[in-house]
Amino acid sequence: ETGVWSNLVSTSTSLPLMDTTDPFSGWCFNGISFEPAVLVRNSLYWLLGAGSVGILEFDLERQSLAVIGLPVCVGAGSETGSNDRFSITQAEDGGLGFLSLSGFNAQLWKRKIKYDGIASWVMEKIIELDKLLKIPMDPNRNEHVIKVIGFAENNNAVFLYTKIGIVAFHLESLQFKKLPGSRSVAYYYPFESVWCM
């Protein structure tokens, strides 16, 4: 609004942002992940690192940064340098949420502030995606792949790469829509509104 640069804002963290034992650390980006920020209420959130270790929060009103730990250990089962098994989301109450995939199950978490002001993660629900999306199983092949490839914050919908194609999945209504087009996509950047002057 003012067209003026703000002062430098920084924060410290005890979370390990770079794994020095990672054989791919020479090419793997270990700062803020490549996915776009998610706006929840009055803050922007980014996953920290590829194979994320935390969430970076920028409070737009207070102009402050904070680092938040994740509700689950997300490194297990992820490809090196990949954040395709989890996503920052909005919880049903409009607060900060988190989705993590474990096999065909999606775990939805919510960040709650207790009466003493301490924040913690609480699991809201587990969704059995294979049953809901009716994904056919082939016992002779290992096709247990569901990946997060995008999040649309205005509609609270996650985009999933599945065996049946790309699916837009609404987290509150649990409704989904199979999208037309190619299955070879790394990440969706949804445009939810367009306006012209």
Protein backbone atom coordinates (compact mmCIF):
# COMPACT_ATOMS: atom_id res chain seq x y z
CA GLU A 1 0.00 0.00 0.00
CA THR A 2 2.80 2.44 0.82
CA GLY A 3 5.24 1.32 -1.87
CA VAL A 4 8.04 1.35 0.74
CA TRP A 5 10.33 -1.55 1.64
CA SER A 6 9.93 -2.81 5.20
CA ASN A 7 12.74 -3.39 7.66
CA LEU A 8 14.55 -6.73 7.58
CA VAL A 9 12.62 -9.41 9.48
CA SER A 10 14.37 -12.53 10.78
CA THR A 11 13.95 -15.38 13.23
CA SER A 12 16.07 -18.21 14.60
CA THR A 13 15.26 -21.89 14.78
CA SER A 14 16.70 -25.03 16.31
CA LEU A 15 15.22 -27.18 13.51
CA PRO A 16 17.82 -28.84 11.21
CA LEU A 17 17.21 -27.15 7.87
CA MET A 18 19.91 -29.01 5.93
CA ASP A 19 20.89 -32.65 6.20
CA THR A 20 24.64 -32.81 5.63
CA THR A 21 24.46 -36.60 5.18
CA ASP A 22 22.14 -36.19 2.18
CA PRO A 23 24.05 -37.33 -0.94
CA PHE A 24 21.94 -34.96 -3.05
CA SER A 25 22.45 -31.88 -0.86
CA GLY A 26 24.52 -30.29 -3.65
CA TRP A 27 21.45 -29.83 -5.83
CA CYS A 28 18.60 -30.08 -3.32
CA PHE A 29 17.16 -26.73 -2.20
CA ASN A 30 17.04 -26.77 1.59
CA GLY A 31 15.54 -23.37 2.37
CA ILE A 32 11.91 -22.54 1.71
CA SER A 33 10.29 -25.20 -0.47
CA PHE A 34 9.32 -24.61 -4.09
CA GLU A 35 5.57 -24.71 -3.37
CA PRO A 36 3.79 -21.34 -3.11
CA ALA A 37 2.90 -19.86 0.27
CA VAL A 38 -0.50 -20.60 1.79
CA LEU A 39 -2.48 -17.68 3.26
CA VAL A 40 -4.34 -18.65 6.44
CA ARG A 41 -6.13 -15.84 8.24
CA ASN A 42 -3.50 -13.09 8.50
CA SER A 43 -0.33 -15.14 7.97
CA LEU A 44 1.61 -16.66 5.08
CA TYR A 45 3.03 -20.16 5.55
CA TRP A 46 5.81 -22.01 3.69
CA LEU A 47 7.21 -25.50 4.14
CA LEU A 48 10.86 -25.30 5.19
CA GLY A 49 13.17 -27.34 3.02
CA ALA A 50 12.67 -30.11 0.53
CA GLY A 51 11.76 -33.14 2.63
CA SER A 52 10.40 -30.51 5.00
CA VAL A 53 11.35 -30.12 8.66
CA GLY A 54 9.02 -27.30 9.65
CA ILE A 55 6.77 -24.44 8.64
CA LEU A 56 7.82 -20.79 8.30
CA GLU A 57 5.08 -18.34 9.36
CA PHE A 58 5.06 -14.66 8.39
CA ASP A 59 2.44 -12.67 10.30
CA LEU A 60 1.38 -9.88 7.94
CA GLU A 61 -0.08 -7.70 10.68
CA ARG A 62 2.81 -7.89 13.16
CA GLN A 63 5.49 -8.22 10.42
CA SER A 64 7.07 -11.10 12.33
CA LEU A 65 8.49 -14.54 11.49
CA ALA A 66 8.16 -17.78 13.44
CA VAL A 67 9.09 -21.40 12.83
CA ILE A 68 6.56 -24.11 13.66
CA GLY A 69 7.37 -27.80 14.05
CA LEU A 70 5.35 -30.36 12.08
CA PRO A 71 2.80 -32.73 13.64
CA VAL A 72 4.42 -35.83 12.10
CA CYS A 73 7.85 -36.95 10.96
CA VAL A 74 7.54 -36.32 7.25
CA GLY A 75 10.90 -37.56 5.97
CA ALA A 76 9.95 -41.23 6.02
CA GLY A 77 8.59 -42.46 2.71
CA SER A 78 9.30 -39.26 0.79
CA GLU A 79 11.62 -39.08 -2.15
CA THR A 80 14.78 -37.08 -1.52
CA GLY A 81 14.03 -33.42 -1.91
CA SER A 82 10.30 -33.98 -2.22
CA ASN A 83 7.33 -32.49 -0.37
CA ASP A 84 4.77 -34.60 -2.22
CA ARG A 85 3.41 -36.45 0.83
CA PHE A 86 2.16 -33.42 2.77
CA SER A 87 0.75 -29.90 2.45
CA ILE A 88 -0.04 -26.85 4.53
CA THR A 89 -3.83 -26.43 4.52
CA GLN A 90 -6.63 -24.62 6.29
CA ALA A 91 -8.33 -26.40 9.17
CA GLU A 92 -12.14 -26.56 9.22
CA ASP A 93 -12.26 -23.60 11.65
CA GLY A 94 -10.19 -21.51 9.23
CA GLY A 95 -6.95 -21.84 11.21
CA LEU A 96 -3.67 -23.50 10.26
CA GLY A 97 -3.99 -27.08 9.07
CA PHE A 98 -1.67 -29.76 7.77
CA LEU A 99 -2.26 -32.79 5.54
CA SER A 100 0.06 -35.78 5.59
CA LEU A 101 -0.24 -38.90 3.44
CA SER A 102 0.55 -42.36 4.74
CA GLY A 103 -0.15 -44.99 2.11
CA PHE A 104 -3.74 -44.36 1.02
CA ASN A 105 -4.65 -42.50 4.21
CA ALA A 106 -4.75 -38.70 4.48
CA GLN A 107 -4.29 -37.40 8.01
CA LEU A 108 -5.73 -33.93 8.61
CA TRP A 109 -4.17 -31.97 11.48
CA LYS A 110 -5.19 -28.69 13.11
CA ARG A 111 -3.04 -26.22 15.09
CA LYS A 112 -4.82 -25.43 18.36
CA ILE A 113 -3.99 -22.80 20.96
CA LYS A 114 -4.65 -24.02 24.49
CA TYR A 115 -5.99 -21.86 27.30
CA ASP A 116 -2.40 -21.20 28.51
CA GLY A 117 -1.39 -19.86 25.07
CA ILE A 118 0.66 -22.93 24.11
CA ALA A 119 0.00 -24.19 20.57
CA SER A 120 -0.03 -27.85 19.59
CA TRP A 121 -1.15 -30.07 16.71
CA VAL A 122 -4.34 -32.14 17.02
CA MET A 123 -5.44 -34.74 14.47
CA GLU A 124 -8.88 -33.83 13.11
CA LYS A 125 -9.55 -36.90 10.96
CA ILE A 126 -8.16 -39.70 8.84
CA ILE A 127 -9.53 -40.12 5.31
CA GLU A 128 -9.20 -43.46 3.49
CA LEU A 129 -8.54 -42.11 0.00
CA ASP A 130 -8.46 -45.49 -1.78
CA LYS A 131 -12.05 -46.21 -0.70
CA LEU A 132 -13.32 -42.67 -1.21
CA LEU A 133 -11.72 -42.26 -4.67
CA LYS A 134 -12.40 -45.92 -5.59
CA ILE A 135 -8.80 -46.56 -6.63
CA PRO A 136 -8.50 -50.09 -8.09
CA MET A 137 -5.90 -52.30 -6.46
CA ASP A 138 -3.63 -54.67 -8.39
CA PRO A 139 -2.01 -57.17 -5.95
CA ASN A 140 0.75 -57.94 -8.49
CA ARG A 141 1.97 -54.34 -8.71
CA ASN A 142 3.10 -51.80 -6.16
CA GLU A 143 0.90 -48.86 -7.16
CA HIS A 144 0.30 -47.33 -3.76
CA VAL A 145 1.22 -43.88 -5.02
CA ILE A 146 -0.76 -40.80 -4.11
CA LYS A 147 1.09 -37.50 -4.19
CA VAL A 148 0.14 -33.96 -3.24
CA ILE A 149 0.74 -31.68 -6.22
CA GLY A 150 -1.04 -28.49 -5.16
CA PHE A 151 -3.36 -26.69 -2.76
CA ALA A 152 -6.09 -24.13 -3.51
CA GLU A 153 -6.51 -22.03 -0.35
CA ASN A 154 -9.73 -20.19 -1.32
CA ASN A 155 -11.58 -23.48 -1.88
CA ASN A 156 -9.59 -25.52 0.69
CA ALA A 157 -8.94 -28.19 -1.94
CA VAL A 158 -5.86 -30.31 -2.42
CA PHE A 159 -4.73 -31.63 -5.82
CA LEU A 160 -3.63 -35.26 -5.78
CA TYR A 161 -1.73 -37.35 -8.31
CA THR A 162 -3.27 -40.85 -8.24
CA LYS A 163 -3.44 -44.03 -10.30
CA ILE A 164 -6.82 -42.86 -11.69
CA GLY A 165 -5.44 -39.43 -12.69
CA ILE A 166 -5.24 -35.95 -11.18
CA VAL A 167 -7.95 -35.34 -8.58
CA ALA A 168 -9.15 -32.10 -6.95
CA PHE A 169 -10.24 -33.04 -3.43
CA HIS A 170 -12.21 -30.66 -1.17
CA LEU A 171 -11.06 -31.19 2.42
CA GLU A 172 -14.26 -30.17 4.19
CA SER A 173 -16.99 -31.73 2.03
CA LEU A 174 -14.78 -34.72 1.02
CA GLN A 175 -16.06 -34.24 -2.55
CA PHE A 176 -13.63 -34.82 -5.39
CA LYS A 177 -13.41 -34.26 -9.13
CA LYS A 178 -11.14 -36.05 -11.58
CA LEU A 179 -9.44 -33.45 -13.76
CA PRO A 180 -8.88 -33.88 -17.50
CA GLY A 181 -5.43 -33.72 -19.02
CA SER A 182 -1.97 -35.09 -18.52
CA ARG A 183 -0.88 -37.08 -15.48
CA SER A 184 2.74 -35.97 -15.88
CA VAL A 185 2.76 -32.90 -13.66
CA ALA A 186 5.05 -31.86 -10.83
CA TYR A 187 2.94 -29.17 -9.19
CA TYR A 188 -0.36 -27.34 -9.77
CA TYR A 189 -0.57 -23.58 -9.28
CA PRO A 190 -4.31 -22.96 -9.06
CA PHE A 191 -5.70 -19.59 -10.15
CA GLU A 192 -8.87 -19.20 -8.10
CA SER A 193 -9.95 -15.71 -9.14
CA VAL A 194 -9.15 -13.36 -11.97
CA TRP A 195 -10.05 -9.69 -12.05
CA CYS A 196 -9.34 -6.92 -14.53
CA MET A 197 -9.26 -3.16 -14.19
